[in-house]
Each structure stands twice: as structure tokens, then as C-alpha cells.
């Protein structure tokens, strides 16, 4: 049941305690020392010597890129039957980053990520970071009104989503949202979703603002995952999606919303340096 080394240490502790009792019979039990000097040094100093040299100029996505360059064929993500290598995940994230930059995303912008736990979620997060922006994770299980409030507060103009969550866009009236990229849908499915959203908005506006019917369809543009192919290295002739995106450790990595003391979600900005410290430390 026990390893030999464990039993030998236990025996040594008992022998050390007995020796102290014999040599100083009046000693209080609480004063007895079980550990040797070497063991105390190991527990208090050696085991706690966990300091590491952090990469001073590293960002979260840069660390991933370094790993992808070292092991491009190794599995990076496994979800059910889906297995993506580091190289595949890197390529998908680069395409998302290229699409985001092409649609106006710049450093320190906020991009909403309304995705369930899936491979697309990981690719989306990396893609946002590679584009120089900060992602805002939005839990699909939250009420639509709460998600709308966070999108409005963060000033999100672009949302990464999937078909199951995209339809709630029809309920949002006070956001700056302009683009929704559905990472798990083909163009035909996205077209149907967009049409349904526009129609629902028209019906809602018809009762209050007839002129709004002409404008609501142009407010939010929906895109499918198929559009990302235009941002692959083969299509663009480039393998460096970040040549014009000078992200530093001081830039924001993500904005996480807490419930807040008043019950109203409050955004907390977390920088790359904080995340790198957590990962590398």
C-alpha cells in the first residue's frame, strides 16, 4: 500500500521523536520536532522555489504561435471526434483575425464571443487576440437582455456567434452591433437566419416606426464561416496576419463581466501580461 521511501521517512520521524523524549523527558509534546533539518529546508525552501523568468514581451497569442511553430502536427484541441492540430488551429485563428481586421477591428477594440464550448470558441478567442482586439466572453445561457446590456456597455460592433445563438440579435435594439460572424454555419443557413432576424425586427418596428422598416435590414450584417476562406494564406498570399498589428503585453486581452454589487454586470479588463503571468507561472 505504501512505498518503501514513505515508510522509511515515517520510521525516521518516530525515531527522532523518541530520541528527543529520552534526551529531554520534560519537553512538551508540541515542542517535539519530527522533521530533520534537511526535510524542513526541502518543505519550506526547495518546494517553494517556483519562480520562473517570464517572457517580458510575450502576448497570449504569441505563446500559442511559438508552440504551433514547434509542434504543428501535434493535437492541440480534442472535442468529441474533432481533433485539430496546432497548425490547423493556428490557420483557423489567422483566418478569423484576417476577417476581423478587414471589417474594421483595431487594437483595443472589443469583440463579443457568443459561443458554446466548442473548437470554434477556442479559434475565435485566438483570432480576436491575433487581430489586436480584446474578446468579451458572453455566456449563451444568460438571458438575451443581459447579453445585450454587456454588448452595449462594451461598445461591441462585431460578434462571433453560432446559429443557435444568433437569432437573439432580433431582440437587441440599443447596441452598436454591425457584424455577426457565424463560425459554425454555411452561407445558406446564415442567409435564412439573417432573413428571420430582419423580418422579426420589421414586425416589431411596424407598430411604432414605419420608416424604421427600411433601415433595420442594413444595421447588422451576417457572415458565414465560408467567408473566412478568403483570408487564408493561399487566398491572400501572406502567412503573417499580424504584420500590422503591434500588440504588446500592456494591451487588453479580454473583458470579463461580473455581477457587481448592484446586480448590474461590470466589465473588468485583463491585460496580456496578467494572462501570460498566469500561464507561464
C-alpha atoms as a PDB file:
ATOM      1  CA  UNK A   1       0.000   0.000   0.000  1.00  0.00           C
ATOM      2  CA  UNK A   2       2.811   2.397   0.917  1.00  0.00           C
ATOM      3  CA  UNK A   3       6.053   2.978  -0.943  1.00  0.00           C
ATOM      4  CA  UNK A   4       9.253   1.961   0.774  1.00  0.00           C
ATOM      5  CA  UNK A   5      10.539   5.519   0.894  1.00  0.00           C
ATOM      6  CA  UNK A   6       7.360   6.695   2.642  1.00  0.00           C
ATOM      7  CA  UNK A   7       7.658   4.069   5.364  1.00  0.00           C
ATOM      8  CA  UNK A   8      11.351   4.808   5.860  1.00  0.00           C
ATOM      9  CA  UNK A   9      10.581   8.508   6.392  1.00  0.00           C
ATOM     10  CA  UNK A  10       7.775   7.641   8.830  1.00  0.00           C
ATOM     11  CA  UNK A  11      10.127   5.368  10.764  1.00  0.00           C
ATOM     12  CA  UNK A  12      12.721   8.125  10.876  1.00  0.00           C
ATOM     13  CA  UNK A  13      10.155  10.601  12.262  1.00  0.00           C
ATOM     14  CA  UNK A  14       9.194   8.237  15.073  1.00  0.00           C
ATOM     15  CA  UNK A  15      12.826   7.518  15.931  1.00  0.00           C
ATOM     16  CA  UNK A  16      13.608  11.243  16.020  1.00  0.00           C
ATOM     17  CA  UNK A  17      10.647  11.859  18.340  1.00  0.00           C
ATOM     18  CA  UNK A  18      11.638   9.002  20.670  1.00  0.00           C
ATOM     19  CA  UNK A  19      15.220  10.261  20.841  1.00  0.00           C
ATOM     20  CA  UNK A  20      14.007  13.717  21.910  1.00  0.00           C
ATOM     21  CA  UNK A  21      11.719  12.247  24.578  1.00  0.00           C
ATOM     22  CA  UNK A  22      14.575  10.175  26.007  1.00  0.00           C
ATOM     23  CA  UNK A  23      17.088  13.028  25.961  1.00  0.00           C
ATOM     24  CA  UNK A  24      14.674  15.649  27.347  1.00  0.00           C
ATOM     25  CA  UNK A  25      11.847  13.834  29.191  1.00  0.00           C
ATOM     26  CA  UNK A  26      10.254  17.086  30.374  1.00  0.00           C
ATOM     27  CA  UNK A  27       9.785  18.521  26.877  1.00  0.00           C
ATOM     28  CA  UNK A  28       6.222  19.415  25.863  1.00  0.00           C
ATOM     29  CA  UNK A  29       4.779  17.279  23.064  1.00  0.00           C
ATOM     30  CA  UNK A  30       4.151  20.380  20.953  1.00  0.00           C
ATOM     31  CA  UNK A  31       7.885  21.124  21.054  1.00  0.00           C
ATOM     32  CA  UNK A  32       8.922  17.799  19.536  1.00  0.00           C
ATOM     33  CA  UNK A  33      10.459  18.004  16.067  1.00  0.00           C
ATOM     34  CA  UNK A  34       9.540  15.261  13.597  1.00  0.00           C
ATOM     35  CA  UNK A  35      11.410  16.656  10.612  1.00  0.00           C
ATOM     36  CA  UNK A  36      15.131  16.683  10.054  1.00  0.00           C
ATOM     37  CA  UNK A  37      16.919  19.896   9.127  1.00  0.00           C
ATOM     38  CA  UNK A  38      17.129  18.695   5.520  1.00  0.00           C
ATOM     39  CA  UNK A  39      13.391  17.936   5.386  1.00  0.00           C
ATOM     40  CA  UNK A  40      12.456  21.345   6.785  1.00  0.00           C
ATOM     41  CA  UNK A  41      14.680  23.003   4.196  1.00  0.00           C
ATOM     42  CA  UNK A  42      13.050  20.962   1.459  1.00  0.00           C
ATOM     43  CA  UNK A  43       9.483  21.785   2.547  1.00  0.00           C
ATOM     44  CA  UNK A  44       9.995  25.471   3.293  1.00  0.00           C
ATOM     45  CA  UNK A  45      12.514  26.435   0.617  1.00  0.00           C
ATOM     46  CA  UNK A  46      13.097  23.875  -2.120  1.00  0.00           C
ATOM     47  CA  UNK A  47       9.454  23.035  -2.852  1.00  0.00           C
ATOM     48  CA  UNK A  48       8.518  26.733  -2.829  1.00  0.00           C
ATOM     49  CA  UNK A  49      11.260  27.801  -5.200  1.00  0.00           C
ATOM     50  CA  UNK A  50       8.822  28.083  -8.114  1.00  0.00           C
ATOM     51  CA  UNK A  51       9.938  31.422  -9.540  1.00  0.00           C
ATOM     52  CA  UNK A  52      10.288  31.410 -13.317  1.00  0.00           C
ATOM     53  CA  UNK A  53      11.538  34.021 -15.731  1.00  0.00           C
ATOM     54  CA  UNK A  54       8.516  35.348 -17.580  1.00  0.00           C
ATOM     55  CA  UNK A  55       8.807  36.318 -21.243  1.00  0.00           C
ATOM     56  CA  UNK A  56       8.844  40.093 -20.860  1.00  0.00           C
ATOM     57  CA  UNK A  57       7.382  40.985 -24.255  1.00  0.00           C
ATOM     58  CA  UNK A  58       5.146  37.956 -24.817  1.00  0.00           C
ATOM     59  CA  UNK A  59       1.428  38.104 -25.527  1.00  0.00           C
ATOM     60  CA  UNK A  60      -1.065  35.272 -25.123  1.00  0.00           C
ATOM     61  CA  UNK A  61      -1.366  34.517 -28.826  1.00  0.00           C
ATOM     62  CA  UNK A  62       2.401  34.845 -29.336  1.00  0.00           C
ATOM     63  CA  UNK A  63       2.951  31.995 -26.872  1.00  0.00           C
ATOM     64  CA  UNK A  64       0.491  29.863 -28.821  1.00  0.00           C
ATOM     65  CA  UNK A  65       2.185  30.743 -32.114  1.00  0.00           C
ATOM     66  CA  UNK A  66       5.539  29.638 -30.722  1.00  0.00           C
ATOM     67  CA  UNK A  67       4.080  26.286 -29.704  1.00  0.00           C
ATOM     68  CA  UNK A  68       2.341  25.896 -33.076  1.00  0.00           C
ATOM     69  CA  UNK A  69       5.656  26.519 -34.831  1.00  0.00           C
ATOM     70  CA  UNK A  70       7.366  23.854 -32.697  1.00  0.00           C
ATOM     71  CA  UNK A  71       4.685  21.157 -32.985  1.00  0.00           C
ATOM     72  CA  UNK A  72       2.378  21.945 -35.933  1.00  0.00           C
ATOM     73  CA  UNK A  73       1.292  18.315 -36.384  1.00  0.00           C
ATOM     74  CA  UNK A  74       0.578  17.586 -32.724  1.00  0.00           C
ATOM     75  CA  UNK A  75      -3.033  17.615 -31.427  1.00  0.00           C
ATOM     76  CA  UNK A  76      -3.885  20.969 -29.871  1.00  0.00           C
ATOM     77  CA  UNK A  77      -7.611  20.540 -29.359  1.00  0.00           C
ATOM     78  CA  UNK A  78      -9.812  17.464 -28.951  1.00  0.00           C
ATOM     79  CA  UNK A  79     -13.597  17.796 -28.729  1.00  0.00           C
ATOM     80  CA  UNK A  80     -15.594  14.618 -29.209  1.00  0.00           C
ATOM     81  CA  UNK A  81     -14.485  13.221 -32.556  1.00  0.00           C
ATOM     82  CA  UNK A  82     -12.972  16.519 -33.678  1.00  0.00           C
ATOM     83  CA  UNK A  83      -9.181  16.745 -33.453  1.00  0.00           C
ATOM     84  CA  UNK A  84      -7.359  19.912 -34.521  1.00  0.00           C
ATOM     85  CA  UNK A  85      -3.595  20.074 -34.673  1.00  0.00           C
ATOM     86  CA  UNK A  86      -1.674  23.157 -33.615  1.00  0.00           C
ATOM     87  CA  UNK A  87      -1.159  24.004 -37.262  1.00  0.00           C
ATOM     88  CA  UNK A  88      -4.871  23.716 -38.062  1.00  0.00           C
ATOM     89  CA  UNK A  89      -5.925  25.777 -35.065  1.00  0.00           C
ATOM     90  CA  UNK A  90      -3.319  28.404 -35.924  1.00  0.00           C
ATOM     91  CA  UNK A  91      -4.612  28.611 -39.504  1.00  0.00           C
ATOM     92  CA  UNK A  92      -8.253  28.921 -38.405  1.00  0.00           C
ATOM     93  CA  UNK A  93      -7.401  31.627 -35.881  1.00  0.00           C
ATOM     94  CA  UNK A  94      -5.412  33.530 -38.519  1.00  0.00           C
ATOM     95  CA  UNK A  95      -8.368  33.490 -40.903  1.00  0.00           C
ATOM     96  CA  UNK A  96     -10.674  34.844 -38.209  1.00  0.00           C
ATOM     97  CA  UNK A  97      -8.120  37.551 -37.378  1.00  0.00           C
ATOM     98  CA  UNK A  98      -7.868  38.494 -41.041  1.00  0.00           C
ATOM     99  CA  UNK A  99     -11.651  38.759 -41.337  1.00  0.00           C
ATOM    100  CA  UNK A 100     -11.849  40.912 -38.216  1.00  0.00           C
ATOM    101  CA  UNK A 101      -9.142  43.300 -39.418  1.00  0.00           C
ATOM    102  CA  UNK A 102     -10.829  43.555 -42.813  1.00  0.00           C
ATOM    103  CA  UNK A 103     -14.048  44.563 -41.068  1.00  0.00           C
ATOM    104  CA  UNK A 104     -12.503  47.403 -39.121  1.00  0.00           C
ATOM    105  CA  UNK A 105     -11.269  45.804 -35.901  1.00  0.00           C
ATOM    106  CA  UNK A 106      -8.247  47.612 -34.471  1.00  0.00           C
ATOM    107  CA  UNK A 107      -6.110  47.452 -31.332  1.00  0.00           C
ATOM    108  CA  UNK A 108      -8.053  47.677 -28.077  1.00  0.00           C
ATOM    109  CA  UNK A 109     -11.413  47.165 -29.803  1.00  0.00           C
ATOM    110  CA  UNK A 110     -13.859  44.833 -28.063  1.00  0.00           C
ATOM    111  CA  UNK A 111     -15.189  41.799 -29.931  1.00  0.00           C
ATOM    112  CA  UNK A 112     -18.039  39.788 -28.466  1.00  0.00           C
ATOM    113  CA  UNK A 113     -17.747  35.993 -28.390  1.00  0.00           C
ATOM    114  CA  UNK A 114     -21.157  34.363 -28.024  1.00  0.00           C
ATOM    115  CA  UNK A 115     -20.245  30.701 -28.487  1.00  0.00           C
ATOM    116  CA  UNK A 116     -20.868  27.454 -26.653  1.00  0.00           C
ATOM    117  CA  UNK A 117     -17.901  25.334 -25.570  1.00  0.00           C
ATOM    118  CA  UNK A 118     -16.563  24.069 -28.878  1.00  0.00           C
ATOM    119  CA  UNK A 119     -13.466  24.115 -31.105  1.00  0.00           C
ATOM    120  CA  UNK A 120     -14.870  27.252 -32.739  1.00  0.00           C
ATOM    121  CA  UNK A 121     -14.760  29.000 -29.367  1.00  0.00           C
ATOM    122  CA  UNK A 122     -11.005  28.455 -28.998  1.00  0.00           C
ATOM    123  CA  UNK A 123     -10.315  29.503 -32.587  1.00  0.00           C
ATOM    124  CA  UNK A 124     -12.470  32.588 -32.081  1.00  0.00           C
ATOM    125  CA  UNK A 125     -10.674  33.687 -28.916  1.00  0.00           C
ATOM    126  CA  UNK A 126      -7.262  33.303 -30.547  1.00  0.00           C
ATOM    127  CA  UNK A 127      -8.486  35.071 -33.671  1.00  0.00           C
ATOM    128  CA  UNK A 128      -9.642  38.087 -31.679  1.00  0.00           C
ATOM    129  CA  UNK A 129      -6.287  38.327 -29.892  1.00  0.00           C
ATOM    130  CA  UNK A 130      -4.378  37.990 -33.153  1.00  0.00           C
ATOM    131  CA  UNK A 131      -6.416  40.880 -34.569  1.00  0.00           C
ATOM    132  CA  UNK A 132      -5.133  43.058 -31.722  1.00  0.00           C
ATOM    133  CA  UNK A 133      -8.514  43.290 -30.019  1.00  0.00           C
ATOM    134  CA  UNK A 134      -9.838  42.090 -26.675  1.00  0.00           C
ATOM    135  CA  UNK A 135     -12.544  39.464 -26.535  1.00  0.00           C
ATOM    136  CA  UNK A 136     -15.644  39.740 -24.383  1.00  0.00           C
ATOM    137  CA  UNK A 137     -16.923  36.250 -23.467  1.00  0.00           C
ATOM    138  CA  UNK A 138     -20.725  36.099 -23.488  1.00  0.00           C
ATOM    139  CA  UNK A 139     -22.380  33.045 -21.964  1.00  0.00           C
ATOM    140  CA  UNK A 140     -25.161  31.775 -24.286  1.00  0.00           C
ATOM    141  CA  UNK A 141     -27.048  30.545 -21.211  1.00  0.00           C
ATOM    142  CA  UNK A 142     -27.595  34.121 -19.977  1.00  0.00           C
ATOM    143  CA  UNK A 143     -30.857  35.953 -20.724  1.00  0.00           C
ATOM    144  CA  UNK A 144     -30.812  37.848 -24.032  1.00  0.00           C
ATOM    145  CA  UNK A 145     -31.395  41.161 -22.240  1.00  0.00           C
ATOM    146  CA  UNK A 146     -28.340  40.642 -20.034  1.00  0.00           C
ATOM    147  CA  UNK A 147     -26.170  39.808 -23.040  1.00  0.00           C
ATOM    148  CA  UNK A 148     -27.499  42.893 -24.811  1.00  0.00           C
ATOM    149  CA  UNK A 149     -26.532  45.036 -21.817  1.00  0.00           C
ATOM    150  CA  UNK A 150     -22.949  43.762 -21.871  1.00  0.00           C
ATOM    151  CA  UNK A 151     -22.668  44.275 -25.631  1.00  0.00           C
ATOM    152  CA  UNK A 152     -23.951  47.818 -25.230  1.00  0.00           C
ATOM    153  CA  UNK A 153     -21.662  48.607 -22.286  1.00  0.00           C
ATOM    154  CA  UNK A 154     -18.552  47.262 -24.044  1.00  0.00           C
ATOM    155  CA  UNK A 155     -19.354  49.054 -27.308  1.00  0.00           C
ATOM    156  CA  UNK A 156     -19.165  45.818 -29.283  1.00  0.00           C
ATOM    157  CA  UNK A 157     -19.567  46.261 -33.046  1.00  0.00           C
ATOM    158  CA  UNK A 158     -18.615  42.729 -34.102  1.00  0.00           C
ATOM    159  CA  UNK A 159     -19.877  39.468 -32.649  1.00  0.00           C
ATOM    160  CA  UNK A 160     -18.600  35.920 -33.157  1.00  0.00           C
ATOM    161  CA  UNK A 161     -21.503  33.559 -32.747  1.00  0.00           C
ATOM    162  CA  UNK A 162     -23.197  30.390 -33.960  1.00  0.00           C
ATOM    163  CA  UNK A 163     -26.616  29.701 -35.408  1.00  0.00           C
ATOM    164  CA  UNK A 164     -28.188  28.604 -32.143  1.00  0.00           C
ATOM    165  CA  UNK A 165     -27.478  31.978 -30.510  1.00  0.00           C
ATOM    166  CA  UNK A 166     -27.630  34.350 -33.464  1.00  0.00           C
ATOM    167  CA  UNK A 167     -31.409  34.670 -33.575  1.00  0.00           C
ATOM    168  CA  UNK A 168     -31.459  36.581 -30.283  1.00  0.00           C
ATOM    169  CA  UNK A 169     -29.946  39.528 -32.198  1.00  0.00           C
ATOM    170  CA  UNK A 170     -33.502  40.367 -33.268  1.00  0.00           C
ATOM    171  CA  UNK A 171     -34.308  41.310 -29.672  1.00  0.00           C
ATOM    172  CA  UNK A 172     -31.490  43.859 -29.379  1.00  0.00           C
ATOM    173  CA  UNK A 173     -32.371  47.461 -30.164  1.00  0.00           C
ATOM    174  CA  UNK A 174     -29.809  49.634 -28.353  1.00  0.00           C
ATOM    175  CA  UNK A 175     -26.446  48.169 -29.360  1.00  0.00           C
ATOM    176  CA  UNK A 176     -23.719  49.332 -31.745  1.00  0.00           C
ATOM    177  CA  UNK A 177     -23.566  45.862 -33.297  1.00  0.00           C
ATOM    178  CA  UNK A 178     -22.826  45.884 -37.036  1.00  0.00           C
ATOM    179  CA  UNK A 179     -21.394  42.465 -37.961  1.00  0.00           C
ATOM    180  CA  UNK A 180     -22.166  38.921 -36.798  1.00  0.00           C
ATOM    181  CA  UNK A 181     -19.841  36.110 -37.924  1.00  0.00           C
ATOM    182  CA  UNK A 182     -21.410  32.657 -37.535  1.00  0.00           C
ATOM    183  CA  UNK A 183     -18.475  30.296 -37.109  1.00  0.00           C
ATOM    184  CA  UNK A 184     -20.418  27.050 -37.449  1.00  0.00           C
ATOM    185  CA  UNK A 185     -22.833  27.853 -40.263  1.00  0.00           C
ATOM    186  CA  UNK A 186     -22.728  27.698 -44.058  1.00  0.00           C
ATOM    187  CA  UNK A 187     -23.743  30.670 -46.164  1.00  0.00           C
ATOM    188  CA  UNK A 188     -27.231  29.327 -46.944  1.00  0.00           C
ATOM    189  CA  UNK A 189     -28.049  28.794 -43.271  1.00  0.00           C
ATOM    190  CA  UNK A 190     -26.784  32.253 -42.339  1.00  0.00           C
ATOM    191  CA  UNK A 191     -28.915  33.801 -45.075  1.00  0.00           C
ATOM    192  CA  UNK A 192     -32.002  32.185 -43.568  1.00  0.00           C
ATOM    193  CA  UNK A 193     -31.054  33.348 -40.071  1.00  0.00           C
ATOM    194  CA  UNK A 194     -30.455  36.904 -41.277  1.00  0.00           C
ATOM    195  CA  UNK A 195     -33.785  36.968 -43.104  1.00  0.00           C
ATOM    196  CA  UNK A 196     -35.609  35.769 -39.999  1.00  0.00           C
ATOM    197  CA  UNK A 197     -33.906  38.388 -37.829  1.00  0.00           C
ATOM    198  CA  UNK A 198     -34.713  41.200 -40.259  1.00  0.00           C
ATOM    199  CA  UNK A 199     -38.329  40.117 -40.570  1.00  0.00           C
ATOM    200  CA  UNK A 200     -38.773  39.978 -36.817  1.00  0.00           C
ATOM    201  CA  UNK A 201     -37.282  43.457 -36.457  1.00  0.00           C
ATOM    202  CA  UNK A 202     -39.575  44.789 -39.163  1.00  0.00           C
ATOM    203  CA  UNK A 203     -42.629  43.381 -37.440  1.00  0.00           C
ATOM    204  CA  UNK A 204     -41.596  44.944 -34.142  1.00  0.00           C
ATOM    205  CA  UNK A 205     -40.868  48.327 -35.695  1.00  0.00           C
ATOM    206  CA  UNK A 206     -44.017  48.401 -37.791  1.00  0.00           C
ATOM    207  CA  UNK A 207     -46.137  49.203 -34.763  1.00  0.00           C
ATOM    208  CA  UNK A 208     -44.019  52.175 -33.705  1.00  0.00           C
ATOM    209  CA  UNK A 209     -41.916  53.434 -36.591  1.00  0.00           C
ATOM    210  CA  UNK A 210     -42.867  52.694 -40.169  1.00  0.00           C
ATOM    211  CA  UNK A 211     -39.711  54.315 -41.537  1.00  0.00           C
ATOM    212  CA  UNK A 212     -37.581  52.016 -39.450  1.00  0.00           C
ATOM    213  CA  UNK A 213     -38.507  49.115 -41.701  1.00  0.00           C
ATOM    214  CA  UNK A 214     -36.242  50.472 -44.409  1.00  0.00           C
ATOM    215  CA  UNK A 215     -33.244  50.809 -42.098  1.00  0.00           C
ATOM    216  CA  UNK A 216     -33.335  47.742 -39.874  1.00  0.00           C
ATOM    217  CA  UNK A 217     -32.150  45.303 -42.527  1.00  0.00           C
ATOM    218  CA  UNK A 218     -28.952  47.302 -43.108  1.00  0.00           C
ATOM    219  CA  UNK A 219     -27.961  47.697 -39.465  1.00  0.00           C
ATOM    220  CA  UNK A 220     -26.458  44.250 -38.835  1.00  0.00           C
ATOM    221  CA  UNK A 221     -24.671  42.199 -41.479  1.00  0.00           C
ATOM    222  CA  UNK A 222     -24.423  38.430 -41.032  1.00  0.00           C
ATOM    223  CA  UNK A 223     -21.467  36.426 -42.348  1.00  0.00           C
ATOM    224  CA  UNK A 224     -20.827  32.696 -42.577  1.00  0.00           C
ATOM    225  CA  UNK A 225     -17.718  30.652 -41.859  1.00  0.00           C
ATOM    226  CA  UNK A 226     -17.314  30.208 -45.620  1.00  0.00           C
ATOM    227  CA  UNK A 227     -16.224  33.851 -45.888  1.00  0.00           C
ATOM    228  CA  UNK A 228     -13.120  33.042 -43.852  1.00  0.00           C
ATOM    229  CA  UNK A 229     -11.603  31.145 -46.776  1.00  0.00           C
ATOM    230  CA  UNK A 230     -10.896  34.494 -48.419  1.00  0.00           C
ATOM    231  CA  UNK A 231      -8.453  35.197 -45.583  1.00  0.00           C
ATOM    232  CA  UNK A 232      -6.373  32.019 -45.859  1.00  0.00           C
ATOM    233  CA  UNK A 233      -2.672  32.307 -46.826  1.00  0.00           C
ATOM    234  CA  UNK A 234      -3.482  30.754 -50.210  1.00  0.00           C
ATOM    235  CA  UNK A 235      -6.021  33.493 -50.941  1.00  0.00           C
ATOM    236  CA  UNK A 236      -4.071  36.428 -49.526  1.00  0.00           C
ATOM    237  CA  UNK A 237      -0.568  35.343 -50.495  1.00  0.00           C
ATOM    238  CA  UNK A 238       0.604  36.065 -46.938  1.00  0.00           C
ATOM    239  CA  UNK A 239       1.272  33.889 -43.908  1.00  0.00           C
ATOM    240  CA  UNK A 240       1.728  36.762 -41.462  1.00  0.00           C
ATOM    241  CA  UNK A 241      -1.672  38.077 -40.463  1.00  0.00           C
ATOM    242  CA  UNK A 242      -0.187  40.256 -37.722  1.00  0.00           C
ATOM    243  CA  UNK A 243       2.455  42.230 -39.587  1.00  0.00           C
ATOM    244  CA  UNK A 244       0.471  45.426 -38.968  1.00  0.00           C
ATOM    245  CA  UNK A 245      -0.894  44.521 -35.519  1.00  0.00           C
ATOM    246  CA  UNK A 246       1.681  45.617 -32.894  1.00  0.00           C
ATOM    247  CA  UNK A 247       0.125  44.047 -29.797  1.00  0.00           C
ATOM    248  CA  UNK A 248       2.120  44.416 -26.568  1.00  0.00           C
ATOM    249  CA  UNK A 249       1.794  42.869 -23.089  1.00  0.00           C
ATOM    250  CA  UNK A 250       0.170  46.112 -21.968  1.00  0.00           C
ATOM    251  CA  UNK A 251      -2.751  45.663 -24.366  1.00  0.00           C
ATOM    252  CA  UNK A 252      -6.074  44.249 -23.208  1.00  0.00           C
ATOM    253  CA  UNK A 253      -6.634  40.518 -23.711  1.00  0.00           C
ATOM    254  CA  UNK A 254     -10.243  40.244 -22.592  1.00  0.00           C
ATOM    255  CA  UNK A 255     -13.023  41.936 -20.663  1.00  0.00           C
ATOM    256  CA  UNK A 256     -14.864  39.773 -18.154  1.00  0.00           C
ATOM    257  CA  UNK A 257     -18.183  40.873 -16.724  1.00  0.00           C
ATOM    258  CA  UNK A 258     -19.006  40.248 -13.073  1.00  0.00           C
ATOM    259  CA  UNK A 259     -22.403  40.578 -11.434  1.00  0.00           C
ATOM    260  CA  UNK A 260     -21.280  43.633  -9.467  1.00  0.00           C
ATOM    261  CA  UNK A 261     -22.525  44.708  -6.054  1.00  0.00           C
ATOM    262  CA  UNK A 262     -25.624  46.258  -7.597  1.00  0.00           C
ATOM    263  CA  UNK A 263     -26.512  43.266  -9.753  1.00  0.00           C
ATOM    264  CA  UNK A 264     -25.590  45.153 -12.925  1.00  0.00           C
ATOM    265  CA  UNK A 265     -22.731  43.499 -14.866  1.00  0.00           C
ATOM    266  CA  UNK A 266     -19.439  45.379 -14.638  1.00  0.00           C
ATOM    267  CA  UNK A 267     -16.588  44.850 -17.068  1.00  0.00           C
ATOM    268  CA  UNK A 268     -13.094  44.120 -15.755  1.00  0.00           C
ATOM    269  CA  UNK A 269     -10.238  44.492 -18.247  1.00  0.00           C
ATOM    270  CA  UNK A 270      -7.474  41.866 -18.079  1.00  0.00           C
ATOM    271  CA  UNK A 271      -4.222  42.506 -19.944  1.00  0.00           C
ATOM    272  CA  UNK A 272      -1.944  40.120 -21.821  1.00  0.00           C
ATOM    273  CA  UNK A 273       0.728  40.447 -19.149  1.00  0.00           C
ATOM    274  CA  UNK A 274      -1.667  39.179 -16.474  1.00  0.00           C
ATOM    275  CA  UNK A 275      -2.639  36.139 -18.525  1.00  0.00           C
ATOM    276  CA  UNK A 276       0.947  35.346 -19.536  1.00  0.00           C
ATOM    277  CA  UNK A 277       1.972  35.541 -15.883  1.00  0.00           C
ATOM    278  CA  UNK A 278      -0.757  33.013 -15.025  1.00  0.00           C
ATOM    279  CA  UNK A 279       0.152  30.658 -17.879  1.00  0.00           C
ATOM    280  CA  UNK A 280       3.932  30.781 -17.565  1.00  0.00           C
ATOM    281  CA  UNK A 281       3.995  30.962 -13.777  1.00  0.00           C
END
